[in-house]
Amino acid sequence: MFPAKTVTCDRLEGDVAVLKTDDGQELHWKKSDLPKGTKVGDVLSLTLLTNTDLTEERTNFAKTMLNEILAPEQQ
C-alpha cells in the first residue's frame, strides 16, 4: 500500500476547493477534480505515485529541445 496524505476540505471558493493538511499547508484544488459531493469538512486521502512513463517522455522531450537549441547549425 502507498502512503496517503490526509487533507480536510477547508472551504470552497468558486471553482476551487482549499484543502488543508494536518500540518497547516493549503492546497488549491479544482473542485471538478474532487470526488463528487465533496463538501466543507470532508476528510480526503491523497496518494502520490511516480508516473515513470510520463517522466521519461518529458525528459526525452527536454533533451530533444536542448539538442536542437545547442546543436551547431547545419550547412
N, C-alpha and C. Protein backbone atom coordinates (compact mmCIF):
# COMPACT_ATOMS: atom_id res chain seq x y z
N MET A 1 0.84 -1.18 0.00
CA MET A 1 0.00 0.00 0.00
C MET A 1 0.88 1.24 0.00
N PHE A 2 0.47 2.26 -0.72
CA PHE A 2 1.22 3.50 -0.79
C PHE A 2 0.76 4.44 0.33
N PRO A 3 1.70 5.21 0.89
CA PRO A 3 1.29 6.13 1.95
C PRO A 3 0.37 7.22 1.41
N ALA A 4 -0.64 7.56 2.20
CA ALA A 4 -1.59 8.59 1.81
C ALA A 4 -1.44 9.79 2.72
N LYS A 5 -1.70 10.96 2.20
CA LYS A 5 -1.70 12.21 2.96
C LYS A 5 -3.15 12.56 3.21
N THR A 6 -3.48 12.86 4.45
CA THR A 6 -4.84 13.23 4.81
C THR A 6 -5.00 14.74 4.71
N VAL A 7 -6.07 15.17 4.05
CA VAL A 7 -6.40 16.59 3.94
C VAL A 7 -7.87 16.78 4.29
N THR A 8 -8.19 18.00 4.71
CA THR A 8 -9.57 18.35 5.01
C THR A 8 -10.02 19.46 4.08
N CYS A 9 -11.21 19.34 3.52
CA CYS A 9 -11.75 20.40 2.69
C CYS A 9 -12.10 21.56 3.61
N ASP A 10 -11.29 22.61 3.57
CA ASP A 10 -11.44 23.75 4.47
C ASP A 10 -12.52 24.71 4.00
N ARG A 11 -12.51 24.97 2.69
CA ARG A 11 -13.50 25.90 2.14
C ARG A 11 -13.57 25.74 0.62
N LEU A 12 -14.67 26.25 0.06
CA LEU A 12 -14.88 26.24 -1.38
C LEU A 12 -14.91 27.69 -1.85
N GLU A 13 -14.10 27.99 -2.84
CA GLU A 13 -14.02 29.35 -3.39
C GLU A 13 -14.20 29.28 -4.90
N GLY A 14 -15.40 29.52 -5.36
CA GLY A 14 -15.67 29.43 -6.79
C GLY A 14 -15.47 28.02 -7.28
N ASP A 15 -14.57 27.85 -8.26
CA ASP A 15 -14.29 26.53 -8.83
C ASP A 15 -13.16 25.82 -8.10
N VAL A 16 -12.69 26.39 -6.99
CA VAL A 16 -11.53 25.85 -6.28
C VAL A 16 -11.92 25.42 -4.87
N ALA A 17 -11.39 24.29 -4.46
CA ALA A 17 -11.51 23.84 -3.07
C ALA A 17 -10.17 24.07 -2.40
N VAL A 18 -10.20 24.61 -1.20
CA VAL A 18 -8.97 24.78 -0.43
C VAL A 18 -8.90 23.62 0.55
N LEU A 19 -7.86 22.80 0.37
CA LEU A 19 -7.66 21.63 1.20
C LEU A 19 -6.52 21.93 2.17
N LYS A 20 -6.69 21.54 3.42
CA LYS A 20 -5.64 21.77 4.43
C LYS A 20 -5.09 20.44 4.91
N THR A 21 -3.76 20.40 4.99
CA THR A 21 -3.10 19.22 5.52
C THR A 21 -3.06 19.31 7.04
N ASP A 22 -2.67 18.22 7.68
CA ASP A 22 -2.58 18.21 9.14
C ASP A 22 -1.55 19.19 9.68
N ASP A 23 -0.55 19.54 8.85
CA ASP A 23 0.47 20.48 9.31
C ASP A 23 0.19 21.92 8.85
N GLY A 24 -1.03 22.17 8.33
CA GLY A 24 -1.44 23.54 8.02
C GLY A 24 -1.20 24.01 6.60
N GLN A 25 -0.59 23.20 5.77
CA GLN A 25 -0.39 23.60 4.38
C GLN A 25 -1.74 23.65 3.67
N GLU A 26 -1.84 24.55 2.70
CA GLU A 26 -3.06 24.65 1.91
C GLU A 26 -2.80 24.22 0.48
N LEU A 27 -3.70 23.44 -0.06
CA LEU A 27 -3.65 23.02 -1.46
C LEU A 27 -4.89 23.58 -2.13
N HIS A 28 -4.70 24.23 -3.26
CA HIS A 28 -5.84 24.75 -4.03
C HIS A 28 -6.10 23.74 -5.15
N TRP A 29 -7.27 23.14 -5.11
CA TRP A 29 -7.61 22.02 -5.98
C TRP A 29 -8.88 22.35 -6.75
N LYS A 30 -8.89 22.03 -8.04
CA LYS A 30 -10.11 22.24 -8.81
C LYS A 30 -11.22 21.36 -8.24
N LYS A 31 -12.38 21.98 -7.98
CA LYS A 31 -13.49 21.22 -7.42
C LYS A 31 -13.89 20.07 -8.34
N SER A 32 -13.77 20.28 -9.64
CA SER A 32 -14.15 19.24 -10.59
C SER A 32 -13.25 18.01 -10.51
N ASP A 33 -12.08 18.14 -9.87
CA ASP A 33 -11.17 17.00 -9.72
C ASP A 33 -11.35 16.28 -8.38
N LEU A 34 -12.27 16.75 -7.56
CA LEU A 34 -12.54 16.11 -6.27
C LEU A 34 -13.64 15.06 -6.45
N PRO A 35 -13.74 14.12 -5.51
CA PRO A 35 -14.86 13.17 -5.57
C PRO A 35 -16.20 13.91 -5.56
N LYS A 36 -17.12 13.43 -6.35
CA LYS A 36 -18.44 14.06 -6.45
C LYS A 36 -19.07 14.15 -5.06
N GLY A 37 -19.62 15.31 -4.76
CA GLY A 37 -20.30 15.51 -3.50
C GLY A 37 -19.41 15.96 -2.35
N THR A 38 -18.12 16.20 -2.63
CA THR A 38 -17.22 16.66 -1.57
C THR A 38 -17.72 17.99 -1.02
N LYS A 39 -17.75 18.09 0.30
CA LYS A 39 -18.22 19.33 0.94
C LYS A 39 -17.22 19.77 2.01
N VAL A 40 -17.39 21.00 2.47
CA VAL A 40 -16.54 21.55 3.52
C VAL A 40 -16.58 20.61 4.73
N GLY A 41 -15.42 20.32 5.27
CA GLY A 41 -15.32 19.44 6.43
C GLY A 41 -15.00 18.01 6.10
N ASP A 42 -15.17 17.63 4.82
CA ASP A 42 -14.85 16.25 4.43
C ASP A 42 -13.35 16.01 4.52
N VAL A 43 -12.98 14.82 4.96
CA VAL A 43 -11.58 14.41 5.02
C VAL A 43 -11.30 13.53 3.81
N LEU A 44 -10.23 13.87 3.10
CA LEU A 44 -9.85 13.15 1.88
C LEU A 44 -8.46 12.57 2.05
N SER A 45 -8.17 11.52 1.32
CA SER A 45 -6.84 10.92 1.31
C SER A 45 -6.22 11.12 -0.06
N LEU A 46 -5.00 11.66 -0.08
CA LEU A 46 -4.27 11.84 -1.33
C LEU A 46 -3.14 10.82 -1.38
N THR A 47 -3.03 10.12 -2.49
CA THR A 47 -1.94 9.18 -2.69
C THR A 47 -1.14 9.66 -3.89
N LEU A 48 0.16 9.82 -3.70
CA LEU A 48 1.03 10.28 -4.78
C LEU A 48 1.82 9.10 -5.32
N LEU A 49 1.82 8.97 -6.63
CA LEU A 49 2.55 7.91 -7.31
C LEU A 49 3.46 8.51 -8.36
N THR A 50 4.60 7.91 -8.57
CA THR A 50 5.51 8.36 -9.62
C THR A 50 5.03 7.79 -10.95
N ASN A 51 4.87 8.66 -11.95
CA ASN A 51 4.49 8.24 -13.30
C ASN A 51 5.76 8.16 -14.13
N THR A 52 6.39 6.98 -14.12
CA THR A 52 7.69 6.83 -14.78
C THR A 52 7.59 7.01 -16.30
N ASP A 53 6.50 6.59 -16.90
CA ASP A 53 6.35 6.75 -18.35
C ASP A 53 6.31 8.22 -18.74
N LEU A 54 5.52 9.00 -18.02
CA LEU A 54 5.43 10.43 -18.31
C LEU A 54 6.74 11.15 -17.98
N THR A 55 7.41 10.74 -16.91
CA THR A 55 8.70 11.32 -16.56
C THR A 55 9.70 11.10 -17.70
N GLU A 56 9.75 9.89 -18.21
CA GLU A 56 10.66 9.56 -19.30
C GLU A 56 10.31 10.36 -20.57
N GLU A 57 9.02 10.46 -20.85
CA GLU A 57 8.57 11.22 -22.03
C GLU A 57 9.00 12.68 -21.93
N ARG A 58 8.81 13.29 -20.79
CA ARG A 58 9.17 14.70 -20.61
C ARG A 58 10.68 14.90 -20.62
N THR A 59 11.41 13.95 -20.04
CA THR A 59 12.88 14.02 -20.07
C THR A 59 13.38 13.96 -21.50
N ASN A 60 12.84 13.03 -22.29
CA ASN A 60 13.25 12.91 -23.69
C ASN A 60 12.90 14.16 -24.48
N PHE A 61 11.74 14.73 -24.22
CA PHE A 61 11.33 15.96 -24.91
C PHE A 61 12.30 17.09 -24.58
N ALA A 62 12.65 17.24 -23.30
CA ALA A 62 13.57 18.29 -22.89
C ALA A 62 14.94 18.11 -23.53
N LYS A 63 15.43 16.88 -23.58
CA LYS A 63 16.73 16.59 -24.22
C LYS A 63 16.69 16.93 -25.70
N THR A 64 15.60 16.57 -26.36
CA THR A 64 15.46 16.88 -27.79
C THR A 64 15.48 18.38 -28.02
N MET A 65 14.74 19.12 -27.21
CA MET A 65 14.71 20.58 -27.35
C MET A 65 16.08 21.19 -27.10
N LEU A 66 16.77 20.73 -26.08
CA LEU A 66 18.12 21.24 -25.80
C LEU A 66 19.08 20.93 -26.93
N ASN A 67 19.01 19.73 -27.48
CA ASN A 67 19.87 19.37 -28.59
C ASN A 67 19.61 20.25 -29.81
N GLU A 68 18.34 20.59 -30.06
CA GLU A 68 18.01 21.47 -31.18
C GLU A 68 18.54 22.87 -30.95
N ILE A 69 18.46 23.35 -29.72
CA ILE A 69 18.92 24.69 -29.40
C ILE A 69 20.44 24.78 -29.43
N LEU A 70 21.10 23.77 -28.89
CA LEU A 70 22.54 23.81 -28.72
C LEU A 70 23.33 23.23 -29.90
N ALA A 71 22.67 22.51 -30.79
CA ALA A 71 23.36 21.88 -31.92
C ALA A 71 23.86 22.94 -32.88
N PRO A 72 25.06 22.75 -33.40
CA PRO A 72 25.56 23.72 -34.39
C PRO A 72 24.65 23.69 -35.62
N GLU A 73 24.51 24.83 -36.24
CA GLU A 73 23.65 24.91 -37.43
C GLU A 73 24.21 24.06 -38.55
N GLN A 74 23.31 23.36 -39.22
CA GLN A 74 23.69 22.52 -40.34
C GLN A 74 23.86 23.39 -41.59
N GLN A 75 24.92 23.13 -42.34
CA GLN A 75 25.16 23.93 -43.56
C GLN A 75 24.87 23.13 -44.78
